[in-house]
Amino acid sequence: MKREQKHETDYIKKYQDEGYTKNYLFENGCLIDSETKYAYKPDEIYIVAHHRYEGMSDPDDMSILYIIETKDQEKGTHLLGYGPMADLEEAEFFKDIPKKNYSKNADISELT
């Protein structure tokens, strides 16, 4: 029996239920809290988990959902497009997050 593939919204809902309720947007080289408008730099971001997706009908439809905690203990999510249509500045921001700020279990492939 083939297992149903989970979508971004399944994970976002799961993490919202666990308290990851903030939404972060990428703007002007920073990750912005959509409520407070605080601009986080890469060293202020901690990656708890990330999930990769590829579109079933369009291989160019690729994204990564980042589960984030910040230096001031805020928790939320950010969806990053990647692949041919990716925003290179946004991708560089996530590359600039120090490796020590990634959870050892950050690469989660299944919804638990």
Protein backbone atom coordinates (compact mmCIF):
# COMPACT_ATOMS: atom_id res chain seq x y z
CA MET A 1 0.00 0.00 0.00
CA LYS A 2 1.42 3.37 -1.02
CA ARG A 3 1.78 5.91 1.76
CA GLU A 4 0.13 9.30 1.21
CA GLN A 5 2.63 12.15 0.77
CA LYS A 6 2.28 14.92 3.35
CA HIS A 7 2.00 18.52 2.14
CA GLU A 8 3.39 21.74 3.55
CA THR A 9 0.03 22.57 5.13
CA ASP A 10 0.03 19.26 7.04
CA TYR A 11 3.36 20.13 8.64
CA ILE A 12 2.47 23.79 9.24
CA LYS A 13 -0.69 22.71 11.08
CA LYS A 14 1.25 20.12 13.11
CA TYR A 15 3.83 22.68 14.20
CA GLN A 16 1.23 25.38 14.89
CA ASP A 17 -0.45 22.90 17.24
CA GLU A 18 2.95 22.55 18.98
CA GLY A 19 3.32 26.33 19.46
CA TYR A 20 5.18 27.33 16.27
CA THR A 21 2.65 30.03 15.44
CA LYS A 22 4.80 32.91 14.15
CA ASN A 23 5.10 33.52 10.41
CA TYR A 24 8.42 34.74 9.07
CA LEU A 25 8.90 36.54 5.76
CA PHE A 26 12.15 37.26 3.96
CA GLU A 27 12.72 40.95 3.25
CA ASN A 28 15.79 43.18 2.81
CA GLY A 29 18.25 40.44 3.74
CA CYS A 30 16.50 39.53 7.01
CA LEU A 31 13.82 37.17 8.26
CA ILE A 32 10.96 39.36 9.43
CA ASP A 33 8.40 38.44 12.11
CA SER A 34 5.14 39.24 10.31
CA GLU A 35 3.53 40.51 13.55
CA THR A 36 6.24 42.46 15.35
CA LYS A 37 8.25 43.33 12.20
CA TYR A 38 11.48 42.48 14.05
CA ALA A 39 14.25 41.72 11.53
CA TYR A 40 16.32 38.65 12.43
CA LYS A 41 19.85 38.10 11.15
CA PRO A 42 21.11 34.55 10.38
CA ASP A 43 22.90 34.15 13.72
CA GLU A 44 19.62 34.90 15.57
CA ILE A 45 17.80 31.97 13.93
CA TYR A 46 17.75 28.34 15.10
CA ILE A 47 16.46 25.62 12.78
CA VAL A 48 14.51 22.99 14.71
CA ALA A 49 13.49 21.00 11.62
CA HIS A 50 13.05 21.31 7.89
CA HIS A 51 10.98 19.40 5.36
CA ARG A 52 11.58 19.34 1.59
CA TYR A 53 8.82 19.07 -1.00
CA GLU A 54 8.68 18.54 -4.75
CA GLY A 55 5.53 19.16 -6.73
CA MET A 56 3.88 16.01 -8.03
CA SER A 57 2.82 17.62 -11.32
CA ASP A 58 5.64 20.16 -11.70
CA PRO A 59 9.22 19.22 -10.72
CA ASP A 60 10.09 22.94 -10.63
CA ASP A 61 7.58 23.38 -7.78
CA MET A 62 10.01 22.77 -4.92
CA SER A 63 10.04 24.16 -1.40
CA ILE A 64 11.54 23.75 2.06
CA LEU A 65 9.50 24.36 5.20
CA TYR A 66 11.75 25.60 8.01
CA ILE A 67 10.66 25.21 11.63
CA ILE A 68 12.29 28.09 13.47
CA GLU A 69 13.09 29.28 16.96
CA THR A 70 14.69 32.69 17.43
CA LYS A 71 17.22 34.10 19.87
CA ASP A 72 14.31 35.60 21.86
CA GLN A 73 12.46 32.25 22.04
CA GLU A 74 9.83 33.02 19.39
CA LYS A 75 8.66 29.99 17.38
CA GLY A 76 7.32 29.80 13.86
CA THR A 77 7.69 28.63 10.28
CA HIS A 78 9.04 29.87 6.97
CA LEU A 79 8.42 28.37 3.54
CA LEU A 80 11.32 28.78 1.11
CA GLY A 81 11.05 28.08 -2.61
CA TYR A 82 14.10 26.39 -4.13
CA GLY A 83 15.18 25.10 -7.49
CA PRO A 84 15.30 27.05 -10.77
CA MET A 85 12.88 29.75 -9.59
CA ALA A 86 14.42 30.27 -6.13
CA ASP A 87 15.24 33.67 -4.65
CA LEU A 88 19.04 33.43 -4.39
CA GLU A 89 19.33 36.12 -1.71
CA GLU A 90 16.82 34.26 0.47
CA ALA A 91 18.66 30.94 -0.08
CA GLU A 92 21.94 32.62 0.91
CA PHE A 93 20.34 33.85 4.13
CA PHE A 94 19.63 30.25 5.15
CA LYS A 95 23.14 29.16 4.12
CA ASP A 96 24.48 31.89 6.43
CA ILE A 97 22.73 30.47 9.50
CA PRO A 98 25.58 28.96 11.55
CA LYS A 99 25.69 25.15 11.46
CA LYS A 100 25.63 25.13 15.27
CA ASN A 101 22.16 26.73 15.07
CA TYR A 102 20.72 23.64 13.34
CA SER A 103 19.22 20.93 15.53
CA LYS A 104 20.94 17.57 15.22
CA ASN A 105 17.52 16.22 14.20
CA ALA A 106 16.67 19.06 11.79
CA ASP A 107 16.40 16.85 8.70
CA ILE A 108 13.05 15.21 9.37
CA SER A 109 11.54 13.20 6.54
CA GLU A 110 8.31 11.98 8.14
CA LEU A 111 5.48 13.55 10.07
CA THR A 112 5.46 12.01 13.55
